[in-house]
Amino acid sequence: MGKVLFYSMVLMLMGACKQGVTLEATKEKEEEFFSVDSLPKPNEINAQALADLKEWQEFNSLETTFESLYRVANREDLVLVIEDLIEKQKTLEASAYPETFDNEQIKSRQKVFKTFVLKTKGNLEYRVGVKESTVQMINAYNAFRNQFNVVVNSKLDTILILSE
């Protein structure tokens, strides 16, 4: 009787220990990457502003890099595009602006765009809210592009206004 009791206790302890040490496959949760089709499209720049921007090489290289954002397929591609956007934005910031667009309205929109590019980079590093920050970055870029249209379409003569 003692042997039966001993073996039953051993079996119960082994069964209890095995339940506590259940091996779970620690799968790294696959990050679900967003679809680039769900991203807002860039605003159009009118023909007059495009004519002035055609000669601004730094802006054209930023445009080319920004267009590559719509061709990313995974997180690593997005990291590369964001890094390239940061470099192109720094080059644009240091460049000579065309006379038409050398004003604080354009430069402030560019700083906002830079802020959201850096926010997206940070979210990529910490793997949080990448889609939301990417959409915010695109909206900031659209505001930057739209400001070119506003500046070109604004025909107020500031000298006449300030002369009185």
N, C-alpha and C. Protein backbone atom coordinates (compact mmCIF):
# COMPACT_ATOMS: atom_id res chain seq x y z
N MET A 1 0.82 -1.19 0.00
CA MET A 1 0.00 0.00 0.00
C MET A 1 0.86 1.26 0.00
N GLY A 2 1.98 1.22 0.71
CA GLY A 2 2.89 2.36 0.79
C GLY A 2 3.51 2.68 -0.56
N LYS A 3 3.82 1.58 -1.34
CA LYS A 3 4.41 1.80 -2.65
C LYS A 3 3.41 2.46 -3.60
N VAL A 4 2.18 2.06 -3.55
CA VAL A 4 1.14 2.63 -4.41
C VAL A 4 0.94 4.10 -4.07
N LEU A 5 0.91 4.40 -2.78
CA LEU A 5 0.76 5.78 -2.34
C LEU A 5 1.96 6.62 -2.77
N PHE A 6 3.17 6.03 -2.65
CA PHE A 6 4.38 6.76 -3.03
C PHE A 6 4.39 7.05 -4.53
N TYR A 7 4.08 6.04 -5.35
CA TYR A 7 4.09 6.23 -6.80
C TYR A 7 2.97 7.18 -7.26
N SER A 8 1.84 7.12 -6.61
CA SER A 8 0.77 8.05 -6.99
C SER A 8 1.14 9.49 -6.64
N MET A 9 1.82 9.69 -5.51
CA MET A 9 2.29 11.04 -5.14
C MET A 9 3.33 11.54 -6.14
N VAL A 10 4.24 10.66 -6.55
CA VAL A 10 5.27 11.04 -7.52
C VAL A 10 4.61 11.41 -8.85
N LEU A 11 3.63 10.64 -9.29
CA LEU A 11 2.94 10.95 -10.54
C LEU A 11 2.19 12.27 -10.45
N MET A 12 1.56 12.50 -9.30
CA MET A 12 0.82 13.76 -9.13
C MET A 12 1.77 14.95 -9.14
N LEU A 13 2.91 14.83 -8.48
CA LEU A 13 3.90 15.92 -8.47
C LEU A 13 4.47 16.15 -9.86
N MET A 14 4.74 15.09 -10.57
CA MET A 14 5.28 15.25 -11.93
C MET A 14 4.24 15.89 -12.85
N GLY A 15 3.00 15.49 -12.68
CA GLY A 15 1.93 16.09 -13.48
C GLY A 15 1.73 17.56 -13.14
N ALA A 16 1.82 17.91 -11.88
CA ALA A 16 1.65 19.29 -11.45
C ALA A 16 2.82 20.15 -11.93
N CYS A 17 3.99 19.62 -11.86
CA CYS A 17 5.17 20.38 -12.32
C CYS A 17 5.12 20.60 -13.82
N LYS A 18 4.66 19.60 -14.52
CA LYS A 18 4.62 19.73 -15.98
C LYS A 18 3.62 20.80 -16.42
N GLN A 19 2.50 20.92 -15.70
CA GLN A 19 1.52 21.94 -16.05
C GLN A 19 2.08 23.34 -15.81
N GLY A 20 2.86 23.53 -14.80
CA GLY A 20 3.42 24.85 -14.48
C GLY A 20 4.49 25.28 -15.46
N VAL A 21 5.15 24.34 -16.11
CA VAL A 21 6.25 24.65 -17.01
C VAL A 21 5.82 24.43 -18.45
N THR A 22 4.62 24.76 -18.77
CA THR A 22 4.13 24.58 -20.13
C THR A 22 4.98 25.41 -21.07
N LEU A 23 5.51 24.74 -22.04
CA LEU A 23 6.36 25.44 -23.00
C LEU A 23 5.49 26.14 -24.03
N GLU A 24 5.66 27.41 -24.07
CA GLU A 24 4.95 28.18 -25.08
C GLU A 24 5.95 28.61 -26.13
N ALA A 25 5.56 28.45 -27.33
CA ALA A 25 6.42 28.90 -28.41
C ALA A 25 6.39 30.42 -28.40
N THR A 26 7.52 30.98 -28.07
CA THR A 26 7.59 32.43 -27.99
C THR A 26 7.82 32.97 -29.39
N LYS A 27 6.75 33.10 -30.08
CA LYS A 27 6.81 33.65 -31.43
C LYS A 27 6.83 35.17 -31.32
N GLU A 28 7.69 35.74 -32.07
CA GLU A 28 7.71 37.19 -32.13
C GLU A 28 6.51 37.61 -32.95
N LYS A 29 5.72 38.47 -32.38
CA LYS A 29 4.52 38.91 -33.08
C LYS A 29 4.92 39.62 -34.37
N GLU A 30 4.41 39.10 -35.45
CA GLU A 30 4.69 39.71 -36.74
C GLU A 30 4.02 41.07 -36.82
N GLU A 31 4.81 42.05 -37.09
CA GLU A 31 4.28 43.40 -37.23
C GLU A 31 3.50 43.48 -38.53
N GLU A 32 2.25 43.87 -38.41
CA GLU A 32 1.42 43.98 -39.60
C GLU A 32 1.74 45.31 -40.27
N PHE A 33 2.29 45.26 -41.45
CA PHE A 33 2.69 46.47 -42.16
C PHE A 33 1.49 47.01 -42.92
N PHE A 34 1.37 48.32 -42.92
CA PHE A 34 0.21 48.96 -43.55
C PHE A 34 0.34 48.95 -45.06
N SER A 35 -0.78 49.10 -45.70
CA SER A 35 -0.82 49.13 -47.16
C SER A 35 -0.57 50.56 -47.63
N VAL A 36 0.30 50.71 -48.61
CA VAL A 36 0.59 52.05 -49.12
C VAL A 36 -0.59 52.61 -49.90
N ASP A 37 -1.54 51.74 -50.27
CA ASP A 37 -2.73 52.22 -50.96
C ASP A 37 -3.61 53.05 -50.04
N SER A 38 -3.48 52.84 -48.73
CA SER A 38 -4.30 53.57 -47.77
C SER A 38 -3.72 54.94 -47.42
N LEU A 39 -2.53 55.25 -47.92
CA LEU A 39 -1.90 56.53 -47.63
C LEU A 39 -2.50 57.64 -48.50
N PRO A 40 -2.59 58.86 -47.96
CA PRO A 40 -3.08 59.97 -48.78
C PRO A 40 -2.10 60.28 -49.92
N LYS A 41 -2.63 60.70 -51.02
CA LYS A 41 -1.79 61.03 -52.18
C LYS A 41 -1.29 62.47 -52.05
N PRO A 42 -0.13 62.77 -52.63
CA PRO A 42 0.39 64.14 -52.56
C PRO A 42 -0.47 65.12 -53.35
N ASN A 43 -0.55 66.35 -52.83
CA ASN A 43 -1.30 67.41 -53.51
C ASN A 43 -0.59 67.81 -54.80
N GLU A 44 -1.38 68.26 -55.74
CA GLU A 44 -0.82 68.74 -57.01
C GLU A 44 -0.28 70.15 -56.84
N ILE A 45 0.78 70.45 -57.56
CA ILE A 45 1.34 71.80 -57.59
C ILE A 45 0.95 72.40 -58.93
N ASN A 46 0.47 73.65 -58.91
CA ASN A 46 0.02 74.24 -60.17
C ASN A 46 1.20 74.52 -61.11
N ALA A 47 0.88 74.79 -62.35
CA ALA A 47 1.89 74.90 -63.41
C ALA A 47 2.86 76.06 -63.16
N GLN A 48 2.36 77.17 -62.66
CA GLN A 48 3.22 78.33 -62.43
C GLN A 48 4.24 78.02 -61.33
N ALA A 49 3.81 77.36 -60.27
CA ALA A 49 4.74 76.99 -59.20
C ALA A 49 5.72 75.93 -59.68
N LEU A 50 5.25 75.00 -60.50
CA LEU A 50 6.14 73.97 -61.03
C LEU A 50 7.24 74.58 -61.90
N ALA A 51 6.91 75.62 -62.62
CA ALA A 51 7.91 76.28 -63.46
C ALA A 51 9.02 76.88 -62.59
N ASP A 52 8.63 77.45 -61.44
CA ASP A 52 9.63 78.02 -60.54
C ASP A 52 10.43 76.94 -59.82
N LEU A 53 9.79 75.80 -59.54
CA LEU A 53 10.44 74.71 -58.81
C LEU A 53 11.32 73.83 -59.70
N LYS A 54 11.14 73.93 -61.01
CA LYS A 54 11.85 73.06 -61.94
C LYS A 54 13.37 73.20 -61.79
N GLU A 55 13.84 74.39 -61.51
CA GLU A 55 15.28 74.64 -61.41
C GLU A 55 15.85 74.33 -60.02
N TRP A 56 15.02 74.08 -59.06
CA TRP A 56 15.47 73.84 -57.68
C TRP A 56 15.78 72.36 -57.52
N GLN A 57 17.02 71.98 -57.76
CA GLN A 57 17.43 70.58 -57.79
C GLN A 57 17.22 69.86 -56.46
N GLU A 58 17.46 70.55 -55.35
CA GLU A 58 17.30 69.93 -54.04
C GLU A 58 15.84 69.54 -53.78
N PHE A 59 14.92 70.40 -54.21
CA PHE A 59 13.50 70.07 -54.05
C PHE A 59 13.11 68.91 -54.94
N ASN A 60 13.63 68.89 -56.15
CA ASN A 60 13.32 67.79 -57.07
C ASN A 60 13.82 66.45 -56.55
N SER A 61 14.99 66.42 -55.91
CA SER A 61 15.49 65.17 -55.34
C SER A 61 14.65 64.75 -54.13
N LEU A 62 14.14 65.71 -53.34
CA LEU A 62 13.23 65.40 -52.24
C LEU A 62 11.93 64.82 -52.79
N GLU A 63 11.44 65.39 -53.88
CA GLU A 63 10.22 64.88 -54.53
C GLU A 63 10.39 63.43 -54.97
N THR A 64 11.52 63.13 -55.58
CA THR A 64 11.79 61.78 -56.06
C THR A 64 11.83 60.79 -54.89
N THR A 65 12.48 61.19 -53.82
CA THR A 65 12.54 60.32 -52.63
C THR A 65 11.16 60.15 -52.02
N PHE A 66 10.39 61.22 -51.97
CA PHE A 66 9.05 61.14 -51.39
C PHE A 66 8.15 60.21 -52.21
N GLU A 67 8.30 60.23 -53.53
CA GLU A 67 7.52 59.34 -54.39
C GLU A 67 7.84 57.88 -54.12
N SER A 68 9.07 57.60 -53.70
CA SER A 68 9.45 56.21 -53.40
C SER A 68 8.76 55.70 -52.14
N LEU A 69 8.20 56.60 -51.34
CA LEU A 69 7.43 56.20 -50.16
C LEU A 69 6.23 55.35 -50.55
N TYR A 70 5.69 55.60 -51.73
CA TYR A 70 4.50 54.87 -52.19
C TYR A 70 4.84 53.52 -52.82
N ARG A 71 6.13 53.15 -52.79
CA ARG A 71 6.54 51.86 -53.32
C ARG A 71 7.12 50.94 -52.25
N VAL A 72 7.03 51.33 -50.98
CA VAL A 72 7.59 50.49 -49.92
C VAL A 72 6.70 49.25 -49.73
N ALA A 73 7.34 48.14 -49.42
CA ALA A 73 6.61 46.90 -49.25
C ALA A 73 6.69 46.37 -47.82
N ASN A 74 7.72 46.81 -47.08
CA ASN A 74 7.86 46.32 -45.71
C ASN A 74 8.53 47.39 -44.85
N ARG A 75 8.73 47.05 -43.61
CA ARG A 75 9.26 47.99 -42.64
C ARG A 75 10.68 48.44 -43.00
N GLU A 76 11.50 47.52 -43.49
CA GLU A 76 12.89 47.84 -43.82
C GLU A 76 12.96 48.84 -44.97
N ASP A 77 12.09 48.68 -45.96
CA ASP A 77 12.03 49.65 -47.06
C ASP A 77 11.65 51.02 -46.54
N LEU A 78 10.69 51.06 -45.62
CA LEU A 78 10.26 52.34 -45.05
C LEU A 78 11.39 53.00 -44.28
N VAL A 79 12.17 52.22 -43.55
CA VAL A 79 13.32 52.77 -42.82
C VAL A 79 14.29 53.42 -43.79
N LEU A 80 14.57 52.76 -44.90
CA LEU A 80 15.50 53.31 -45.90
C LEU A 80 14.96 54.60 -46.51
N VAL A 81 13.67 54.62 -46.82
CA VAL A 81 13.07 55.82 -47.42
C VAL A 81 13.10 56.98 -46.42
N ILE A 82 12.80 56.71 -45.16
CA ILE A 82 12.80 57.76 -44.15
C ILE A 82 14.21 58.32 -43.95
N GLU A 83 15.21 57.44 -43.91
CA GLU A 83 16.59 57.90 -43.79
C GLU A 83 16.98 58.79 -44.97
N ASP A 84 16.57 58.38 -46.17
CA ASP A 84 16.86 59.18 -47.36
C ASP A 84 16.11 60.51 -47.32
N LEU A 85 14.86 60.49 -46.84
CA LEU A 85 14.09 61.73 -46.72
C LEU A 85 14.77 62.70 -45.75
N ILE A 86 15.31 62.19 -44.67
CA ILE A 86 16.01 63.05 -43.70
C ILE A 86 17.21 63.71 -44.35
N GLU A 87 17.98 62.95 -45.10
CA GLU A 87 19.16 63.51 -45.78
C GLU A 87 18.76 64.55 -46.83
N LYS A 88 17.74 64.23 -47.63
CA LYS A 88 17.31 65.16 -48.69
C LYS A 88 16.72 66.44 -48.07
N GLN A 89 16.03 66.28 -46.95
CA GLN A 89 15.43 67.43 -46.28
C GLN A 89 16.53 68.34 -45.72
N LYS A 90 17.60 67.75 -45.18
CA LYS A 90 18.72 68.56 -44.68
C LYS A 90 19.38 69.32 -45.83
N THR A 91 19.53 68.65 -46.97
CA THR A 91 20.11 69.30 -48.14
C THR A 91 19.22 70.44 -48.62
N LEU A 92 17.92 70.21 -48.63
CA LEU A 92 16.97 71.24 -49.05
C LEU A 92 17.01 72.43 -48.11
N GLU A 93 17.09 72.17 -46.83
CA GLU A 93 17.11 73.23 -45.82
C GLU A 93 18.35 74.12 -45.97
N ALA A 94 19.47 73.51 -46.35
CA ALA A 94 20.71 74.25 -46.49
C ALA A 94 20.85 74.92 -47.86
N SER A 95 19.99 74.58 -48.80
CA SER A 95 20.13 75.10 -50.17
C SER A 95 19.60 76.53 -50.28
N ALA A 96 19.90 77.11 -51.42
CA ALA A 96 19.39 78.44 -51.73
C ALA A 96 17.99 78.30 -52.31
N TYR A 97 17.02 78.94 -51.68
CA TYR A 97 15.64 78.87 -52.12
C TYR A 97 15.46 79.78 -53.35
N PRO A 98 14.58 79.41 -54.26
CA PRO A 98 14.25 80.32 -55.35
C PRO A 98 13.65 81.61 -54.77
N GLU A 99 13.83 82.70 -55.45
CA GLU A 99 13.39 84.00 -54.93
C GLU A 99 11.89 84.01 -54.59
N THR A 100 11.10 83.37 -55.41
CA THR A 100 9.66 83.34 -55.18
C THR A 100 9.31 82.65 -53.87
N PHE A 101 10.07 81.63 -53.52
CA PHE A 101 9.73 80.80 -52.37
C PHE A 101 10.65 81.02 -51.17
N ASP A 102 11.45 82.07 -51.22
CA ASP A 102 12.35 82.36 -50.10
C ASP A 102 11.62 83.21 -49.07
N ASN A 103 10.67 82.58 -48.37
CA ASN A 103 9.93 83.29 -47.34
C ASN A 103 9.64 82.36 -46.17
N GLU A 104 9.18 82.94 -45.10
CA GLU A 104 8.96 82.17 -43.86
C GLU A 104 7.80 81.19 -43.98
N GLN A 105 6.85 81.47 -44.84
CA GLN A 105 5.71 80.55 -45.00
C GLN A 105 6.17 79.19 -45.49
N ILE A 106 7.06 79.20 -46.46
CA ILE A 106 7.59 77.94 -47.02
C ILE A 106 8.51 77.26 -46.00
N LYS A 107 9.39 78.04 -45.39
CA LYS A 107 10.36 77.47 -44.46
C LYS A 107 9.69 76.88 -43.22
N SER A 108 8.61 77.50 -42.76
CA SER A 108 7.91 76.96 -41.58
C SER A 108 7.22 75.65 -41.92
N ARG A 109 6.64 75.54 -43.12
CA ARG A 109 6.01 74.28 -43.52
C ARG A 109 7.06 73.18 -43.66
N GLN A 110 8.24 73.57 -44.12
CA GLN A 110 9.32 72.61 -44.26
C GLN A 110 9.77 72.10 -42.89
N LYS A 111 9.80 72.98 -41.89
CA LYS A 111 10.18 72.56 -40.54
C LYS A 111 9.14 71.61 -39.94
N VAL A 112 7.87 71.86 -40.22
CA VAL A 112 6.83 70.95 -39.75
C VAL A 112 7.00 69.59 -40.41
N PHE A 113 7.28 69.59 -41.70
CA PHE A 113 7.52 68.33 -42.41
C PHE A 113 8.71 67.59 -41.79
N LYS A 114 9.77 68.32 -41.50
CA LYS A 114 10.96 67.72 -40.89
C LYS A 114 10.60 67.08 -39.54
N THR A 115 9.77 67.77 -38.76
CA THR A 115 9.35 67.26 -37.46
C THR A 115 8.64 65.92 -37.61
N PHE A 116 7.73 65.82 -38.57
CA PHE A 116 6.98 64.58 -38.75
C PHE A 116 7.83 63.47 -39.37
N VAL A 117 8.82 63.82 -40.16
CA VAL A 117 9.74 62.80 -40.67
C VAL A 117 10.52 62.19 -39.50
N LEU A 118 10.98 63.06 -38.60
CA LEU A 118 11.72 62.57 -37.44
C LEU A 118 10.82 61.77 -36.50
N LYS A 119 9.55 62.17 -36.39
CA LYS A 119 8.61 61.42 -35.56
C LYS A 119 8.41 60.02 -36.16
N THR A 120 8.28 59.95 -37.46
CA THR A 120 8.11 58.65 -38.13
C THR A 120 9.35 57.79 -37.92
N LYS A 121 10.51 58.39 -37.99
CA LYS A 121 11.75 57.64 -37.76
C LYS A 121 11.77 57.08 -36.33
N GLY A 122 11.39 57.91 -35.36
CA GLY A 122 11.35 57.44 -33.98
C GLY A 122 10.35 56.32 -33.78
N ASN A 123 9.19 56.44 -34.40
CA ASN A 123 8.18 55.39 -34.28
C ASN A 123 8.64 54.09 -34.95
N LEU A 124 9.42 54.21 -36.01
CA LEU A 124 9.98 53.02 -36.64
C LEU A 124 10.98 52.34 -35.72
N GLU A 125 11.80 53.13 -35.04
CA GLU A 125 12.79 52.57 -34.13
C GLU A 125 12.13 51.86 -32.96
N TYR A 126 11.05 52.45 -32.44
CA TYR A 126 10.37 51.88 -31.29
C TYR A 126 9.21 50.96 -31.67
N ARG A 127 8.95 50.85 -32.98
CA ARG A 127 7.91 49.96 -33.53
C ARG A 127 6.52 50.26 -32.97
N VAL A 128 6.16 51.53 -32.95
CA VAL A 128 4.83 51.93 -32.50
C VAL A 128 4.22 52.94 -33.47
N GLY A 129 2.96 52.79 -33.77
CA GLY A 129 2.19 53.77 -34.54
C GLY A 129 2.81 54.27 -35.82
N VAL A 130 3.38 53.37 -36.60
CA VAL A 130 4.09 53.79 -37.82
C VAL A 130 3.12 54.35 -38.85
N LYS A 131 1.96 53.73 -39.00
CA LYS A 131 1.02 54.20 -40.02
C LYS A 131 0.51 55.59 -39.68
N GLU A 132 0.16 55.81 -38.42
CA GLU A 132 -0.36 57.12 -38.02
C GLU A 132 0.67 58.22 -38.25
N SER A 133 1.90 57.99 -37.84
CA SER A 133 2.93 59.02 -38.03
C SER A 133 3.27 59.22 -39.50
N THR A 134 3.18 58.15 -40.30
CA THR A 134 3.43 58.28 -41.73
C THR A 134 2.35 59.12 -42.40
N VAL A 135 1.10 58.92 -42.00
CA VAL A 135 0.00 59.73 -42.55
C VAL A 135 0.18 61.19 -42.13
N GLN A 136 0.59 61.43 -40.89
CA GLN A 136 0.84 62.80 -40.44
C GLN A 136 1.97 63.44 -41.24
N MET A 137 3.01 62.66 -41.53
CA MET A 137 4.13 63.16 -42.32
C MET A 137 3.67 63.52 -43.73
N ILE A 138 2.84 62.69 -44.32
CA ILE A 138 2.34 62.97 -45.67
C ILE A 138 1.46 64.21 -45.66
N ASN A 139 0.63 64.36 -44.63
CA ASN A 139 -0.20 65.57 -44.53
C ASN A 139 0.65 66.82 -44.38
N ALA A 140 1.74 66.73 -43.62
CA ALA A 140 2.65 67.87 -43.48
C ALA A 140 3.32 68.18 -44.82
N TYR A 141 3.67 67.14 -45.56
CA TYR A 141 4.27 67.34 -46.88
C TYR A 141 3.28 67.97 -47.84
N ASN A 142 2.02 67.55 -47.75
CA ASN A 142 0.99 68.15 -48.59
C ASN A 142 0.80 69.62 -48.26
N ALA A 143 0.87 69.97 -46.98
CA ALA A 143 0.77 71.39 -46.59
C ALA A 143 1.96 72.17 -47.14
N PHE A 144 3.13 71.55 -47.13
CA PHE A 144 4.34 72.16 -47.68
C PHE A 144 4.17 72.41 -49.18
N ARG A 145 3.70 71.40 -49.89
CA ARG A 145 3.48 71.55 -51.34
C ARG A 145 2.38 72.56 -51.65
N ASN A 146 1.33 72.53 -50.85
CA ASN A 146 0.21 73.45 -51.07
C ASN A 146 0.65 74.91 -50.87
N GLN A 147 1.61 75.11 -49.99
CA GLN A 147 2.07 76.47 -49.73
C GLN A 147 2.73 77.07 -50.97
N PHE A 148 3.32 76.25 -51.83
CA PHE A 148 3.87 76.77 -53.10
C PHE A 148 2.74 77.36 -53.94
N ASN A 149 1.61 76.67 -53.99
CA ASN A 149 0.46 77.18 -54.74
C ASN A 149 -0.05 78.49 -54.13
N VAL A 150 -0.11 78.54 -52.81
CA VAL A 150 -0.61 79.74 -52.13
C VAL A 150 0.30 80.93 -52.42
N VAL A 151 1.60 80.72 -52.35
CA VAL A 151 2.55 81.82 -52.59
C VAL A 151 2.45 82.31 -54.03
N VAL A 152 2.36 81.40 -54.97
CA VAL A 152 2.29 81.78 -56.38
C VAL A 152 0.96 82.48 -56.69
N ASN A 153 -0.12 82.00 -56.10
CA ASN A 153 -1.44 82.57 -56.38
C ASN A 153 -1.70 83.87 -55.65
N SER A 154 -0.93 84.16 -54.61
CA SER A 154 -1.10 85.39 -53.85
C SER A 154 -0.43 86.53 -54.61
N LYS A 155 -1.22 87.46 -55.04
CA LYS A 155 -0.71 88.57 -55.87
C LYS A 155 -0.72 89.90 -55.12
N LEU A 156 -0.68 89.84 -53.79
CA LEU A 156 -0.68 91.08 -53.02
C LEU A 156 0.67 91.76 -53.14
N ASP A 157 0.65 93.05 -53.34
CA ASP A 157 1.88 93.83 -53.42
C ASP A 157 2.23 94.31 -52.02
N THR A 158 3.19 93.69 -51.38
CA THR A 158 3.52 94.02 -50.01
C THR A 158 4.16 95.40 -49.89
N ILE A 159 4.84 95.86 -50.92
CA ILE A 159 5.44 97.19 -50.89
C ILE A 159 4.34 98.26 -50.84
N LEU A 160 3.31 98.06 -51.63
CA LEU A 160 2.19 99.00 -51.66
C LEU A 160 1.45 99.00 -50.32
N ILE A 161 1.28 97.85 -49.73
CA ILE A 161 0.58 97.75 -48.44
C ILE A 161 1.38 98.38 -47.32
N LEU A 162 2.69 98.16 -47.30
CA LEU A 162 3.53 98.65 -46.22
C LEU A 162 3.99 100.10 -46.40
N SER A 163 3.75 100.70 -47.54
CA SER A 163 4.24 102.06 -47.80
C SER A 163 3.46 103.12 -47.04
N GLU A 164 2.27 102.84 -46.61
CA GLU A 164 1.49 103.89 -45.93
C GLU A 164 1.72 103.93 -44.48
